Amino acid sequence: MQDKEMVNDILSQINSSLTGYANVIAQSSNPQLRQAIQQIRNSCETFQYDLYKLAEQKGYYQAAQLADQSDIAQVKSQFL
């Protein structure tokens, strides 16, 4: 397996894990458990971002084009 494939697989797995953590946090009524999962999620997000930046530097991943202000305003208006 090539480096690019491994990095993309890891990023995909991390994104899936982050979704799982968000679900557990939302459904947890125990404050200590909730805080522990939030800390794990935060560490996972930091790792994901660091790996994303590495992938971007190596050319393994190309981010989507930046949205202009009118696009951002249009999306915001849909949620307000």
PDB file of N, CA and C in Angstrom:
ATOM      1  N   MET A   1       0.853  -1.176   0.000  1.00  0.00           N
ATOM      2  CA  MET A   1       0.000   0.000   0.000  1.00  0.00           C
ATOM      3  C   MET A   1       0.901   1.242   0.000  1.00  0.00           C
ATOM      4  N   GLN A   2       0.531   2.217  -0.795  1.00  0.00           N
ATOM      5  CA  GLN A   2       1.317   3.442  -0.882  1.00  0.00           C
ATOM      6  C   GLN A   2       0.973   4.392   0.260  1.00  0.00           C
ATOM      7  N   ASP A   3       1.915   5.310   0.526  1.00  0.00           N
ATOM      8  CA  ASP A   3       1.713   6.281   1.606  1.00  0.00           C
ATOM      9  C   ASP A   3       0.413   7.054   1.437  1.00  0.00           C
ATOM     10  N   LYS A   4       0.140   7.490   0.217  1.00  0.00           N
ATOM     11  CA  LYS A   4      -1.070   8.280  -0.038  1.00  0.00           C
ATOM     12  C   LYS A   4      -2.319   7.499   0.354  1.00  0.00           C
ATOM     13  N   GLU A   5      -2.386   6.234  -0.025  1.00  0.00           N
ATOM     14  CA  GLU A   5      -3.537   5.398   0.314  1.00  0.00           C
ATOM     15  C   GLU A   5      -3.668   5.204   1.814  1.00  0.00           C
ATOM     16  N   MET A   6      -2.543   4.999   2.493  1.00  0.00           N
ATOM     17  CA  MET A   6      -2.582   4.807   3.941  1.00  0.00           C
ATOM     18  C   MET A   6      -3.071   6.072   4.645  1.00  0.00           C
ATOM     19  N   VAL A   7      -2.560   7.214   4.233  1.00  0.00           N
ATOM     20  CA  VAL A   7      -2.975   8.478   4.852  1.00  0.00           C
ATOM     21  C   VAL A   7      -4.464   8.707   4.624  1.00  0.00           C
ATOM     22  N   ASN A   8      -4.932   8.489   3.394  1.00  0.00           N
ATOM     23  CA  ASN A   8      -6.353   8.684   3.106  1.00  0.00           C
ATOM     24  C   ASN A   8      -7.234   7.706   3.871  1.00  0.00           C
ATOM     25  N   ASP A   9      -6.779   6.471   4.027  1.00  0.00           N
ATOM     26  CA  ASP A   9      -7.531   5.488   4.818  1.00  0.00           C
ATOM     27  C   ASP A   9      -7.615   5.918   6.281  1.00  0.00           C
ATOM     28  N   ILE A  10      -6.500   6.380   6.825  1.00  0.00           N
ATOM     29  CA  ILE A  10      -6.484   6.822   8.223  1.00  0.00           C
ATOM     30  C   ILE A  10      -7.396   8.024   8.405  1.00  0.00           C
ATOM     31  N   LEU A  11      -7.321   8.988   7.479  1.00  0.00           N
ATOM     32  CA  LEU A  11      -8.201  10.159   7.574  1.00  0.00           C
ATOM     33  C   LEU A  11      -9.672   9.745   7.531  1.00  0.00           C
ATOM     34  N   SER A  12      -9.994   8.803   6.680  1.00  0.00           N
ATOM     35  CA  SER A  12     -11.373   8.319   6.597  1.00  0.00           C
ATOM     36  C   SER A  12     -11.807   7.649   7.898  1.00  0.00           C
ATOM     37  N   GLN A  13     -10.936   6.841   8.473  1.00  0.00           N
ATOM     38  CA  GLN A  13     -11.248   6.168   9.726  1.00  0.00           C
ATOM     39  C   GLN A  13     -11.405   7.166  10.866  1.00  0.00           C
ATOM     40  N   ILE A  14     -10.548   8.166  10.894  1.00  0.00           N
ATOM     41  CA  ILE A  14     -10.646   9.185  11.938  1.00  0.00           C
ATOM     42  C   ILE A  14     -11.962   9.940  11.820  1.00  0.00           C
ATOM     43  N   ASN A  15     -12.336  10.303  10.606  1.00  0.00           N
ATOM     44  CA  ASN A  15     -13.600  11.016  10.410  1.00  0.00           C
ATOM     45  C   ASN A  15     -14.779  10.182  10.891  1.00  0.00           C
ATOM     46  N   SER A  16     -14.736   8.895  10.645  1.00  0.00           N
ATOM     47  CA  SER A  16     -15.789   8.000  11.125  1.00  0.00           C
ATOM     48  C   SER A  16     -15.792   7.943  12.652  1.00  0.00           C
ATOM     49  N   SER A  17     -14.623   7.884  13.251  1.00  0.00           N
ATOM     50  CA  SER A  17     -14.520   7.865  14.711  1.00  0.00           C
ATOM     51  C   SER A  17     -15.061   9.152  15.322  1.00  0.00           C
ATOM     52  N   LEU A  18     -14.751  10.276  14.694  1.00  0.00           N
ATOM     53  CA  LEU A  18     -15.242  11.556  15.203  1.00  0.00           C
ATOM     54  C   LEU A  18     -16.761  11.602  15.208  1.00  0.00           C
ATOM     55  N   THR A  19     -17.376  11.033  14.196  1.00  0.00           N
ATOM     56  CA  THR A  19     -18.842  10.955  14.156  1.00  0.00           C
ATOM     57  C   THR A  19     -19.353  10.097  15.307  1.00  0.00           C
ATOM     58  N   GLY A  20     -18.682   8.984  15.545  1.00  0.00           N
ATOM     59  CA  GLY A  20     -19.067   8.115  16.653  1.00  0.00           C
ATOM     60  C   GLY A  20     -18.924   8.798  18.001  1.00  0.00           C
ATOM     61  N   TYR A  21     -17.827   9.516  18.198  1.00  0.00           N
ATOM     62  CA  TYR A  21     -17.633  10.246  19.456  1.00  0.00           C
ATOM     63  C   TYR A  21     -18.734  11.289  19.653  1.00  0.00           C
ATOM     64  N   ALA A  22     -19.086  11.996  18.591  1.00  0.00           N
ATOM     65  CA  ALA A  22     -20.138  13.014  18.692  1.00  0.00           C
ATOM     66  C   ALA A  22     -21.456  12.384  19.121  1.00  0.00           C
ATOM     67  N   ASN A  23     -21.764  11.210  18.596  1.00  0.00           N
ATOM     68  CA  ASN A  23     -22.997  10.515  18.971  1.00  0.00           C
ATOM     69  C   ASN A  23     -22.972  10.090  20.436  1.00  0.00           C
ATOM     70  N   VAL A  24     -21.844   9.569  20.887  1.00  0.00           N
ATOM     71  CA  VAL A  24     -21.732   9.141  22.283  1.00  0.00           C
ATOM     72  C   VAL A  24     -21.849  10.342  23.215  1.00  0.00           C
ATOM     73  N   ILE A  25     -21.178  11.431  22.867  1.00  0.00           N
ATOM     74  CA  ILE A  25     -21.234  12.641  23.697  1.00  0.00           C
ATOM     75  C   ILE A  25     -22.666  13.148  23.801  1.00  0.00           C
ATOM     76  N   ALA A  26     -23.366  13.188  22.692  1.00  0.00           N
ATOM     77  CA  ALA A  26     -24.732  13.702  22.673  1.00  0.00           C
ATOM     78  C   ALA A  26     -25.684  12.853  23.511  1.00  0.00           C
ATOM     79  N   GLN A  27     -25.387  11.572  23.651  1.00  0.00           N
ATOM     80  CA  GLN A  27     -26.286  10.670  24.350  1.00  0.00           C
ATOM     81  C   GLN A  27     -25.844  10.346  25.775  1.00  0.00           C
ATOM     82  N   SER A  28     -24.715  10.885  26.191  1.00  0.00           N
ATOM     83  CA  SER A  28     -24.190  10.575  27.519  1.00  0.00           C
ATOM     84  C   SER A  28     -24.773  11.512  28.575  1.00  0.00           C
ATOM     85  N   SER A  29     -25.295  10.908  29.628  1.00  0.00           N
ATOM     86  CA  SER A  29     -25.825  11.717  30.735  1.00  0.00           C
ATOM     87  C   SER A  29     -24.842  11.785  31.907  1.00  0.00           C
ATOM     88  N   ASN A  30     -23.805  10.968  31.859  1.00  0.00           N
ATOM     89  CA  ASN A  30     -22.798  10.952  32.909  1.00  0.00           C
ATOM     90  C   ASN A  30     -21.741  12.020  32.602  1.00  0.00           C
ATOM     91  N   PRO A  31     -21.626  13.048  33.451  1.00  0.00           N
ATOM     92  CA  PRO A  31     -20.695  14.150  33.157  1.00  0.00           C
ATOM     93  C   PRO A  31     -19.238  13.712  33.018  1.00  0.00           C
ATOM     94  N   GLN A  32     -18.802  12.760  33.846  1.00  0.00           N
ATOM     95  CA  GLN A  32     -17.416  12.306  33.765  1.00  0.00           C
ATOM     96  C   GLN A  32     -17.151  11.551  32.458  1.00  0.00           C
ATOM     97  N   LEU A  33     -18.079  10.688  32.077  1.00  0.00           N
ATOM     98  CA  LEU A  33     -17.935   9.965  30.816  1.00  0.00           C
ATOM     99  C   LEU A  33     -17.962  10.934  29.646  1.00  0.00           C
ATOM    100  N   ARG A  34     -18.894  11.870  29.705  1.00  0.00           N
ATOM    101  CA  ARG A  34     -19.018  12.865  28.639  1.00  0.00           C
ATOM    102  C   ARG A  34     -17.709  13.645  28.478  1.00  0.00           C
ATOM    103  N   GLN A  35     -17.131  14.084  29.596  1.00  0.00           N
ATOM    104  CA  GLN A  35     -15.888  14.839  29.547  1.00  0.00           C
ATOM    105  C   GLN A  35     -14.741  13.979  29.013  1.00  0.00           C
ATOM    106  N   ALA A  36     -14.683  12.733  29.427  1.00  0.00           N
ATOM    107  CA  ALA A  36     -13.621  11.840  28.955  1.00  0.00           C
ATOM    108  C   ALA A  36     -13.713  11.640  27.440  1.00  0.00           C
ATOM    109  N   ILE A  37     -14.918  11.416  26.938  1.00  0.00           N
ATOM    110  CA  ILE A  37     -15.100  11.224  25.496  1.00  0.00           C
ATOM    111  C   ILE A  37     -14.795  12.515  24.741  1.00  0.00           C
ATOM    112  N   GLN A  38     -15.147  13.660  25.321  1.00  0.00           N
ATOM    113  CA  GLN A  38     -14.831  14.941  24.688  1.00  0.00           C
ATOM    114  C   GLN A  38     -13.316  15.132  24.570  1.00  0.00           C
ATOM    115  N   GLN A  39     -12.584  14.737  25.598  1.00  0.00           N
ATOM    116  CA  GLN A  39     -11.123  14.851  25.559  1.00  0.00           C
ATOM    117  C   GLN A  39     -10.532  13.926  24.488  1.00  0.00           C
ATOM    118  N   ILE A  40     -11.073  12.717  24.404  1.00  0.00           N
ATOM    119  CA  ILE A  40     -10.620  11.785  23.370  1.00  0.00           C
ATOM    120  C   ILE A  40     -10.924  12.356  21.991  1.00  0.00           C
ATOM    121  N   ARG A  41     -12.131  12.888  21.826  1.00  0.00           N
ATOM    122  CA  ARG A  41     -12.524  13.499  20.551  1.00  0.00           C
ATOM    123  C   ARG A  41     -11.600  14.657  20.190  1.00  0.00           C
ATOM    124  N   ASN A  42     -11.292  15.507  21.172  1.00  0.00           N
ATOM    125  CA  ASN A  42     -10.422  16.645  20.913  1.00  0.00           C
ATOM    126  C   ASN A  42      -9.032  16.197  20.455  1.00  0.00           C
ATOM    127  N   SER A  43      -8.495  15.172  21.097  1.00  0.00           N
ATOM    128  CA  SER A  43      -7.195  14.633  20.688  1.00  0.00           C
ATOM    129  C   SER A  43      -7.260  14.058  19.278  1.00  0.00           C
ATOM    130  N   CYS A  44      -8.348  13.383  18.999  1.00  0.00           N
ATOM    131  CA  CYS A  44      -8.555  12.786  17.680  1.00  0.00           C
ATOM    132  C   CYS A  44      -8.658  13.879  16.608  1.00  0.00           C
ATOM    133  N   GLU A  45      -9.357  14.962  16.925  1.00  0.00           N
ATOM    134  CA  GLU A  45      -9.477  16.079  15.980  1.00  0.00           C
ATOM    135  C   GLU A  45      -8.124  16.727  15.717  1.00  0.00           C
ATOM    136  N   THR A  46      -7.319  16.871  16.757  1.00  0.00           N
ATOM    137  CA  THR A  46      -5.983  17.449  16.592  1.00  0.00           C
ATOM    138  C   THR A  46      -5.126  16.563  15.701  1.00  0.00           C
ATOM    139  N   PHE A  47      -5.174  15.249  15.948  1.00  0.00           N
ATOM    140  CA  PHE A  47      -4.420  14.307  15.123  1.00  0.00           C
ATOM    141  C   PHE A  47      -4.902  14.355  13.680  1.00  0.00           C
ATOM    142  N   GLN A  48      -6.221  14.403  13.491  1.00  0.00           N
ATOM    143  CA  GLN A  48      -6.796  14.451  12.143  1.00  0.00           C
ATOM    144  C   GLN A  48      -6.312  15.694  11.404  1.00  0.00           C
ATOM    145  N   TYR A  49      -6.317  16.834  12.069  1.00  0.00           N
ATOM    146  CA  TYR A  49      -5.897  18.073  11.429  1.00  0.00           C
ATOM    147  C   TYR A  49      -4.411  18.037  11.082  1.00  0.00           C
ATOM    148  N   ASP A  50      -3.592  17.526  11.998  1.00  0.00           N
ATOM    149  CA  ASP A  50      -2.152  17.423  11.732  1.00  0.00           C
ATOM    150  C   ASP A  50      -1.884  16.497  10.543  1.00  0.00           C
ATOM    151  N   LEU A  51      -2.585  15.379  10.488  1.00  0.00           N
ATOM    152  CA  LEU A  51      -2.419  14.439   9.381  1.00  0.00           C
ATOM    153  C   LEU A  51      -2.929  15.052   8.076  1.00  0.00           C
ATOM    154  N   TYR A  52      -4.026  15.779   8.148  1.00  0.00           N
ATOM    155  CA  TYR A  52      -4.552  16.470   6.965  1.00  0.00           C
ATOM    156  C   TYR A  52      -3.522  17.460   6.429  1.00  0.00           C
ATOM    157  N   LYS A  53      -2.903  18.256   7.314  1.00  0.00           N
ATOM    158  CA  LYS A  53      -1.908  19.233   6.883  1.00  0.00           C
ATOM    159  C   LYS A  53      -0.713  18.530   6.230  1.00  0.00           C
ATOM    160  N   LEU A  54      -0.287  17.400   6.782  1.00  0.00           N
ATOM    161  CA  LEU A  54       0.800  16.630   6.192  1.00  0.00           C
ATOM    162  C   LEU A  54       0.404  16.122   4.808  1.00  0.00           C
ATOM    163  N   ALA A  55      -0.802  15.584   4.702  1.00  0.00           N
ATOM    164  CA  ALA A  55      -1.285  15.074   3.416  1.00  0.00           C
ATOM    165  C   ALA A  55      -1.358  16.190   2.381  1.00  0.00           C
ATOM    166  N   GLU A  56      -1.796  17.345   2.810  1.00  0.00           N
ATOM    167  CA  GLU A  56      -1.888  18.495   1.900  1.00  0.00           C
ATOM    168  C   GLU A  56      -0.488  18.924   1.435  1.00  0.00           C
ATOM    169  N   GLN A  57       0.474  18.955   2.353  1.00  0.00           N
ATOM    170  CA  GLN A  57       1.847  19.343   2.010  1.00  0.00           C
ATOM    171  C   GLN A  57       2.473  18.381   1.006  1.00  0.00           C
ATOM    172  N   LYS A  58       2.177  17.093   1.169  1.00  0.00           N
ATOM    173  CA  LYS A  58       2.750  16.083   0.288  1.00  0.00           C
ATOM    174  C   LYS A  58       1.977  15.935  -1.021  1.00  0.00           C
ATOM    175  N   GLY A  59       0.870  16.666  -1.143  1.00  0.00           N
ATOM    176  CA  GLY A  59       0.072  16.586  -2.365  1.00  0.00           C
ATOM    177  C   GLY A  59      -0.870  15.396  -2.403  1.00  0.00           C
ATOM    178  N   TYR A  60      -1.085  14.746  -1.256  1.00  0.00           N
ATOM    179  CA  TYR A  60      -1.982  13.599  -1.187  1.00  0.00           C
ATOM    180  C   TYR A  60      -3.444  14.025  -1.153  1.00  0.00           C
ATOM    181  N   TYR A  61      -3.666  15.247  -0.765  1.00  0.00           N
ATOM    182  CA  TYR A  61      -5.036  15.729  -0.566  1.00  0.00           C
ATOM    183  C   TYR A  61      -5.102  17.169  -1.035  1.00  0.00           C
ATOM    184  N   GLN A  62      -6.127  17.468  -1.794  1.00  0.00           N
ATOM    185  CA  GLN A  62      -6.328  18.837  -2.238  1.00  0.00           C
ATOM    186  C   GLN A  62      -7.667  19.311  -1.694  1.00  0.00           C
ATOM    187  N   ALA A  63      -7.621  20.376  -0.930  1.00  0.00           N
ATOM    188  CA  ALA A  63      -8.830  20.909  -0.307  1.00  0.00           C
ATOM    189  C   ALA A  63      -9.759  21.490  -1.368  1.00  0.00           C
ATOM    190  N   ALA A  64     -11.015  21.545  -1.015  1.00  0.00           N
ATOM    191  CA  ALA A  64     -11.997  22.148  -1.910  1.00  0.00           C
ATOM    192  C   ALA A  64     -11.695  23.637  -2.056  1.00  0.00           C
ATOM    193  N   GLN A  65     -12.155  24.185  -3.163  1.00  0.00           N
ATOM    194  CA  GLN A  65     -11.962  25.608  -3.416  1.00  0.00           C
ATOM    195  C   GLN A  65     -12.690  26.416  -2.343  1.00  0.00           C
ATOM    196  N   LEU A  66     -12.082  27.517  -1.928  1.00  0.00           N
ATOM    197  CA  LEU A  66     -12.682  28.369  -0.905  1.00  0.00           C
ATOM    198  C   LEU A  66     -13.969  28.999  -1.426  1.00  0.00           C
ATOM    199  N   ALA A  67     -14.960  29.067  -0.563  1.00  0.00           N
ATOM    200  CA  ALA A  67     -16.230  29.696  -0.920  1.00  0.00           C
ATOM    201  C   ALA A  67     -16.091  31.206  -0.834  1.00  0.00           C
ATOM    202  N   ASP A  68     -16.797  31.902  -1.707  1.00  0.00           N
ATOM    203  CA  ASP A  68     -16.765  33.358  -1.608  1.00  0.00           C
ATOM    204  C   ASP A  68     -17.815  33.818  -0.595  1.00  0.00           C
ATOM    205  N   GLN A  69     -17.770  35.080  -0.243  1.00  0.00           N
ATOM    206  CA  GLN A  69     -18.624  35.629   0.816  1.00  0.00           C
ATOM    207  C   GLN A  69     -20.115  35.468   0.505  1.00  0.00           C
ATOM    208  N   SER A  70     -20.511  35.590  -0.750  1.00  0.00           N
ATOM    209  CA  SER A  70     -21.934  35.451  -1.081  1.00  0.00           C
ATOM    210  C   SER A  70     -22.416  34.022  -0.859  1.00  0.00           C
ATOM    211  N   ASP A  71     -21.563  33.041  -1.170  1.00  0.00           N
ATOM    212  CA  ASP A  71     -21.919  31.636  -0.915  1.00  0.00           C
ATOM    213  C   ASP A  71     -22.059  31.383   0.588  1.00  0.00           C
ATOM    214  N   ILE A  72     -21.144  31.934   1.361  1.00  0.00           N
ATOM    215  CA  ILE A  72     -21.180  31.765   2.819  1.00  0.00           C
ATOM    216  C   ILE A  72     -22.446  32.406   3.379  1.00  0.00           C
ATOM    217  N   ALA A  73     -22.765  33.603   2.923  1.00  0.00           N
ATOM    218  CA  ALA A  73     -23.967  34.297   3.400  1.00  0.00           C
ATOM    219  C   ALA A  73     -25.228  33.525   3.049  1.00  0.00           C
ATOM    220  N   GLN A  74     -25.253  32.930   1.878  1.00  0.00           N
ATOM    221  CA  GLN A  74     -26.427  32.167   1.452  1.00  0.00           C
ATOM    222  C   GLN A  74     -26.639  30.941   2.347  1.00  0.00           C
ATOM    223  N   VAL A  75     -25.554  30.227   2.642  1.00  0.00           N
ATOM    224  CA  VAL A  75     -25.662  29.048   3.500  1.00  0.00           C
ATOM    225  C   VAL A  75     -26.067  29.457   4.914  1.00  0.00           C
ATOM    226  N   LYS A  76     -25.458  30.521   5.427  1.00  0.00           N
ATOM    227  CA  LYS A  76     -25.802  30.995   6.776  1.00  0.00           C
ATOM    228  C   LYS A  76     -27.276  31.351   6.874  1.00  0.00           C
ATOM    229  N   SER A  77     -27.808  31.968   5.840  1.00  0.00           N
ATOM    230  CA  SER A  77     -29.222  32.387   5.869  1.00  0.00           C
ATOM    231  C   SER A  77     -30.156  31.186   5.940  1.00  0.00           C
ATOM    232  N   GLN A  78     -29.731  30.059   5.439  1.00  0.00           N
ATOM    233  CA  GLN A  78     -30.556  28.853   5.472  1.00  0.00           C
ATOM    234  C   GLN A  78     -30.662  28.278   6.883  1.00  0.00           C
ATOM    235  N   PHE A  79     -29.705  28.584   7.736  1.00  0.00           N
ATOM    236  CA  PHE A  79     -29.675  28.020   9.074  1.00  0.00           C
ATOM    237  C   PHE A  79     -30.063  28.996  10.178  1.00  0.00           C
ATOM    238  N   LEU A  80     -30.352  30.218   9.814  1.00  0.00           N
ATOM    239  CA  LEU A  80     -30.737  31.204  10.826  1.00  0.00           C
ATOM    240  C   LEU A  80     -32.231  31.326  10.948  1.00  0.00           C
TER     241      LEU A  80
END
